[in-house]
Amino acid sequence: MKKVKWMIGMLTLMSATAFFVNCGGNDSNNSDPVALTLFSLTAGDADLNGATSASDVAQDAAIVAVFSTELDATSATSANIVITNTTESMVVEADIKVSSTSITITPTTSFREGASFSISFGSGLASSAGQTLSTMVTRTFSINGILVPDGQVAYWNFNESNAKDQQGTNDGTEVSMTYVDGRSVDAGKAAKFDGDKSIIEIPDGDLLIDGADFTLSFWMKTESENHVDANGNNVGHFVIGLGAFYGIQYEVFGNYDGAKFAIRYEATDASTGAATTVTEDMWFPSLATDAATGGWQGWDYARSVTADDMAALYLKDVWTQVVYTYDGVEKQGTLYYNGEKMKSVDFDLWPDGDTKRSVAGLKYGGVAPEVVNELAFGFIQSRGGTLWDTESWGGYDFTTANHFKGQLDDIRIFHNALTAAQITALYQSEKS
C-alpha cells in the first residue's frame, strides 16, 4: 500500500512539474526577445565600431555588420541602411545581403579616395522576433588619398618630370622647363619656371575650357627674388593663359597685393539677339569689396584681406591652391584660395538689358595670329600669338616681361563646377 501511495505521489509531482514547465517556468522559452543591438561593424580589416573614426578603409571594402540576434531580412533595405559620402553629400548605392545575425553591405562602386563617409542603420531595421533598433546607429569613416571629384578632363602632376596629361591626351610642349621636389614628399615633383623663357603649351585649349560648367584648380608658388624688369622694378606673374582675355588668364600683381582671372564667356547680345562673347575679370585685390560695399556690380561676395596678408598668406613665395569655378545654372563664378572662398561674381546682378545677364559658360574667342588656341602654363599666351608682342611686359621674347617665375603643380581641369565642400576636401587631401 505504501508503495502504491509513493507511486501516486511521484506521478503527481511529475505532472505538476510538467504543468510548471508548460506554463512558463522555463526561462529559455518564455523570456522577452533579445534586444536588437549592433555587435560589430567592420570594413575589411578596419574596425568601424571603435572609439575613433576609421581612416584606413580600403576603397573596395565591403562592410559587415553583426547584430545581437537574428535579423528580419525584409527590413534590411536601402531605406534603413544608408551609406553617405559626406564630403560630396552623395548617397552611395550598395547591395545588401542578410545572413542570420549579419548584414553585408557592398557598394556598387568603389569608395571615393580621400572622401569621408557615414553609415546609418535606421530604427526600421528589425530582428526576426520583431525587435527594432531603439535609435538610429551611425558610424563614420574615411578613405585615405586625394579626393578627385567626377568631371576631371585633364590633369598635370609633373611627377614624371614632364608635361604629360595624366587624365587624357593633352600633353604639353616644354620650353626651358625643369622639375623639382614639390610642396611635400607626397606631392612629388613640381614644374619650375625660370621667369625668362620657361613655358608649357597645350594644344586645342578651347576643348579644355569651353562649356557651361568649369573648374580650374592648381597649386602655385611664386618666386619674388630678382623677378624684375629692365629698370629693376618688380613685375607681375602671368601664371596661366589661353590667349589672355580671349580665353582665360590668371596673373599675380607685381607687388603681390592681389591677383586676377580674366575670362571670356559665351553670351547673347542684348540688343540684337546674336551670339557673342564677353569678358569679365575676377579681380581680387587687397581689401576687396562686394557690390553692397562699394565694389563692382555683380560682385556678390569679397573677402577683405590686407595687402600684407595677401602677400604673406597667398601670393608671395608661398604655396597656394588656386581654384576658379563657373556654374552655368547659377551664372556664378567663384574664386578659392586654399579651400576657402575669396570672391564670387553673379551675372544675374547685372541690370536688365545687359548682355552679361545672358552669360552661359566659358567660350574661347581668340583669332590668330593675335592669339593662338594653345593653353600656356608660365605666360599669358603661347609663343605663337602676336598680342602685346612689342610690349616689354607682354612680349614673350622679352626676358623681363611678366613671365611666371616659380613652381606649378597638380593642375586640374573639370567640366563641372565643383562644390565648396569638394574644393575644401581636394585642398585638405592635396596639401599634405
Foldseek 3Di string as FASTA:
>chain_A
DVVVVVVVVVVVVVVVVVVCVVVCVDCVVDPDDDAKDWDFKDFVPRGQPDPDAAAAHFQFTKMKIFIDWFWDQVLPDCVFKWKAQVLQRHTFDWDWDGDTRMIITGTPGTHFELTKMKIKGAQSTAHPVGHGHPGIDMTIYHHHFFGDDPFWQWKAFCQVVAQQTPRDGFGWDWDPWGWDQDPDPVSHIWIFDALFATKIKTFQQQVQFDAQKKKKKWKWFFEFPPLAFPVRAFAKAFFKAFLFLLAWTKIAGRLLQWIKMKFKFWWAQLPPRHIDIDIDMPTAGAQDDAPVVPHDFQWPDADHHHSVCSQPVAGHRDMWMWMWIAHQVQRKIWIDILLHTGTMGGQCRDDPSHRSVGTRGTGRRDDPPQAHRIMMGFAHGDQRHCNCCVPCQHNSNNRSHNTTGTIMRTIIMGNHGRDSSSSNSNSVSNND
